[in-house]
Amino acid sequence: MKQAILLDQIYRLPVRERMLIVERTIHSIRAEKTHTVKAVALMAGEYCNDSELTAFSQLDMEDFYETR
């Protein structure tokens, strides 16, 4: 469903139902953020201790030129 259509449908709902949508949306965003933070914490140790995962990080400050 396109965003404009979805928003139009939400605007037509009673305030109580719109507030429920807002609350559930905020809850889902927070849950996703929590999941992301946990995933980052889990992988941080891997990146700090595994030289194969960071082998190319020495090139991070190098200029990149695309060839055509």
N, C-alpha and C. Protein backbone atom coordinates (compact mmCIF):
# COMPACT_ATOMS: atom_id res chain seq x y z
N MET A 1 0.85 -1.17 0.00
CA MET A 1 0.00 0.00 0.00
C MET A 1 0.90 1.24 0.00
N LYS A 2 0.58 2.18 -0.86
CA LYS A 2 1.38 3.39 -0.94
C LYS A 2 1.18 4.25 0.30
N GLN A 3 2.22 4.98 0.65
CA GLN A 3 2.21 5.79 1.86
C GLN A 3 1.05 6.79 1.88
N ALA A 4 0.79 7.46 0.78
CA ALA A 4 -0.28 8.46 0.73
C ALA A 4 -1.64 7.82 0.99
N ILE A 5 -1.87 6.66 0.42
CA ILE A 5 -3.14 5.96 0.63
C ILE A 5 -3.26 5.53 2.08
N LEU A 6 -2.18 4.99 2.61
CA LEU A 6 -2.17 4.55 4.00
C LEU A 6 -2.46 5.72 4.95
N LEU A 7 -1.79 6.84 4.73
CA LEU A 7 -2.02 8.01 5.59
C LEU A 7 -3.46 8.51 5.46
N ASP A 8 -3.99 8.50 4.27
CA ASP A 8 -5.38 8.92 4.07
C ASP A 8 -6.33 8.03 4.87
N GLN A 9 -6.08 6.74 4.84
CA GLN A 9 -6.92 5.81 5.59
C GLN A 9 -6.79 6.04 7.10
N ILE A 10 -5.58 6.32 7.55
CA ILE A 10 -5.37 6.57 8.98
C ILE A 10 -6.10 7.84 9.40
N TYR A 11 -6.05 8.89 8.58
CA TYR A 11 -6.72 10.14 8.91
C TYR A 11 -8.23 9.96 9.06
N ARG A 12 -8.79 8.98 8.40
CA ARG A 12 -10.23 8.73 8.46
C ARG A 12 -10.66 7.99 9.73
N LEU A 13 -9.70 7.42 10.44
CA LEU A 13 -10.01 6.66 11.66
C LEU A 13 -10.34 7.61 12.81
N PRO A 14 -11.08 7.11 13.78
CA PRO A 14 -11.30 7.90 15.00
C PRO A 14 -9.98 8.11 15.74
N VAL A 15 -9.91 9.17 16.52
CA VAL A 15 -8.67 9.52 17.23
C VAL A 15 -8.17 8.37 18.09
N ARG A 16 -9.06 7.68 18.76
CA ARG A 16 -8.66 6.56 19.62
C ARG A 16 -7.90 5.48 18.83
N GLU A 17 -8.38 5.15 17.64
CA GLU A 17 -7.72 4.14 16.82
C GLU A 17 -6.40 4.67 16.25
N ARG A 18 -6.35 5.94 15.92
CA ARG A 18 -5.09 6.53 15.43
C ARG A 18 -4.04 6.50 16.53
N MET A 19 -4.46 6.80 17.76
CA MET A 19 -3.51 6.76 18.88
C MET A 19 -2.98 5.34 19.10
N LEU A 20 -3.83 4.36 18.92
CA LEU A 20 -3.40 2.97 19.05
C LEU A 20 -2.35 2.64 17.99
N ILE A 21 -2.57 3.11 16.77
CA ILE A 21 -1.60 2.90 15.70
C ILE A 21 -0.27 3.55 16.04
N VAL A 22 -0.31 4.77 16.57
CA VAL A 22 0.91 5.48 16.94
C VAL A 22 1.65 4.72 18.05
N GLU A 23 0.92 4.28 19.06
CA GLU A 23 1.55 3.55 20.17
C GLU A 23 2.21 2.26 19.68
N ARG A 24 1.52 1.52 18.85
CA ARG A 24 2.08 0.26 18.36
C ARG A 24 3.27 0.50 17.43
N THR A 25 3.20 1.56 16.65
CA THR A 25 4.32 1.90 15.76
C THR A 25 5.55 2.26 16.57
N ILE A 26 5.38 3.09 17.59
CA ILE A 26 6.50 3.46 18.45
C ILE A 26 7.07 2.22 19.14
N HIS A 27 6.20 1.35 19.61
CA HIS A 27 6.67 0.12 20.26
C HIS A 27 7.50 -0.72 19.29
N SER A 28 7.04 -0.84 18.05
CA SER A 28 7.78 -1.67 17.08
C SER A 28 9.13 -1.04 16.73
N ILE A 29 9.19 0.29 16.67
CA ILE A 29 10.45 0.98 16.40
C ILE A 29 11.43 0.75 17.54
N ARG A 30 10.94 0.87 18.76
CA ARG A 30 11.82 0.63 19.92
C ARG A 30 12.31 -0.80 19.97
N ALA A 31 11.45 -1.75 19.66
CA ALA A 31 11.84 -3.16 19.65
C ALA A 31 12.90 -3.41 18.59
N GLU A 32 12.73 -2.79 17.42
CA GLU A 32 13.72 -2.95 16.34
C GLU A 32 15.06 -2.33 16.75
N LYS A 33 15.00 -1.17 17.40
CA LYS A 33 16.23 -0.51 17.86
C LYS A 33 16.95 -1.39 18.88
N THR A 34 16.19 -1.96 19.80
CA THR A 34 16.78 -2.84 20.81
C THR A 34 17.44 -4.04 20.15
N HIS A 35 16.79 -4.60 19.17
CA HIS A 35 17.35 -5.75 18.43
C HIS A 35 18.65 -5.36 17.74
N THR A 36 18.67 -4.18 17.13
CA THR A 36 19.87 -3.71 16.42
C THR A 36 21.02 -3.49 17.40
N VAL A 37 20.73 -2.88 18.54
CA VAL A 37 21.77 -2.64 19.55
C VAL A 37 22.35 -3.96 20.04
N LYS A 38 21.50 -4.95 20.26
CA LYS A 38 21.99 -6.26 20.70
C LYS A 38 22.86 -6.91 19.62
N ALA A 39 22.47 -6.78 18.37
CA ALA A 39 23.24 -7.36 17.27
C ALA A 39 24.61 -6.69 17.16
N VAL A 40 24.64 -5.38 17.32
CA VAL A 40 25.91 -4.64 17.26
C VAL A 40 26.82 -5.09 18.40
N ALA A 41 26.27 -5.20 19.59
CA ALA A 41 27.07 -5.63 20.74
C ALA A 41 27.61 -7.04 20.53
N LEU A 42 26.80 -7.90 19.96
CA LEU A 42 27.21 -9.28 19.70
C LEU A 42 28.36 -9.34 18.70
N MET A 43 28.29 -8.52 17.66
CA MET A 43 29.31 -8.57 16.61
C MET A 43 30.54 -7.73 16.92
N ALA A 44 30.45 -6.80 17.85
CA ALA A 44 31.59 -5.92 18.15
C ALA A 44 32.82 -6.73 18.55
N GLY A 45 32.64 -7.74 19.37
CA GLY A 45 33.75 -8.58 19.79
C GLY A 45 34.38 -9.31 18.62
N GLU A 46 33.54 -9.76 17.69
CA GLU A 46 34.06 -10.44 16.51
C GLU A 46 34.94 -9.53 15.69
N TYR A 47 34.50 -8.29 15.47
CA TYR A 47 35.27 -7.36 14.66
C TYR A 47 36.56 -6.90 15.36
N CYS A 48 36.53 -6.86 16.67
CA CYS A 48 37.74 -6.46 17.41
C CYS A 48 38.79 -7.57 17.43
N ASN A 49 38.36 -8.82 17.38
CA ASN A 49 39.27 -9.94 17.57
C ASN A 49 39.57 -10.75 16.33
N ASP A 50 38.89 -10.50 15.23
CA ASP A 50 39.09 -11.31 14.03
C ASP A 50 39.69 -10.44 12.92
N SER A 51 40.97 -10.62 12.67
CA SER A 51 41.66 -9.77 11.69
C SER A 51 41.14 -9.98 10.27
N GLU A 52 40.53 -11.12 9.98
CA GLU A 52 39.98 -11.34 8.65
C GLU A 52 38.79 -10.42 8.37
N LEU A 53 38.06 -10.06 9.41
CA LEU A 53 36.90 -9.18 9.23
C LEU A 53 37.31 -7.73 9.06
N THR A 54 38.49 -7.39 9.50
CA THR A 54 38.93 -5.99 9.43
C THR A 54 40.13 -5.80 8.51
N ALA A 55 40.43 -6.77 7.70
CA ALA A 55 41.62 -6.72 6.84
C ALA A 55 41.63 -5.51 5.93
N PHE A 56 40.50 -5.12 5.42
CA PHE A 56 40.46 -4.00 4.49
C PHE A 56 40.24 -2.66 5.17
N SER A 57 40.10 -2.64 6.48
CA SER A 57 39.88 -1.37 7.17
C SER A 57 41.11 -0.46 7.10
N GLN A 58 42.26 -1.03 6.77
CA GLN A 58 43.45 -0.20 6.59
C GLN A 58 43.29 0.74 5.40
N LEU A 59 42.40 0.39 4.50
CA LEU A 59 42.18 1.20 3.30
C LEU A 59 41.09 2.26 3.49
N ASP A 60 40.51 2.35 4.67
CA ASP A 60 39.39 3.27 4.89
C ASP A 60 39.71 4.71 4.57
N MET A 61 40.90 5.15 4.81
CA MET A 61 41.24 6.54 4.60
C MET A 61 41.81 6.81 3.21
N GLU A 62 41.94 5.77 2.40
CA GLU A 62 42.46 5.91 1.05
C GLU A 62 41.39 6.52 0.13
N ASP A 63 41.84 7.30 -0.83
CA ASP A 63 40.92 7.83 -1.82
C ASP A 63 40.45 6.71 -2.73
N PHE A 64 39.21 6.77 -3.12
CA PHE A 64 38.63 5.75 -3.98
C PHE A 64 38.30 6.38 -5.33
N TYR A 65 38.79 5.76 -6.38
CA TYR A 65 38.51 6.26 -7.72
C TYR A 65 37.86 5.14 -8.52
N GLU A 66 36.69 5.43 -9.03
CA GLU A 66 35.98 4.44 -9.83
C GLU A 66 36.54 4.44 -11.23
N THR A 67 36.80 3.25 -11.76
CA THR A 67 37.27 3.16 -13.14
C THR A 67 36.09 2.91 -14.04
N ARG A 68 36.17 3.48 -15.22
CA ARG A 68 35.07 3.30 -16.18
C ARG A 68 35.59 2.76 -17.47
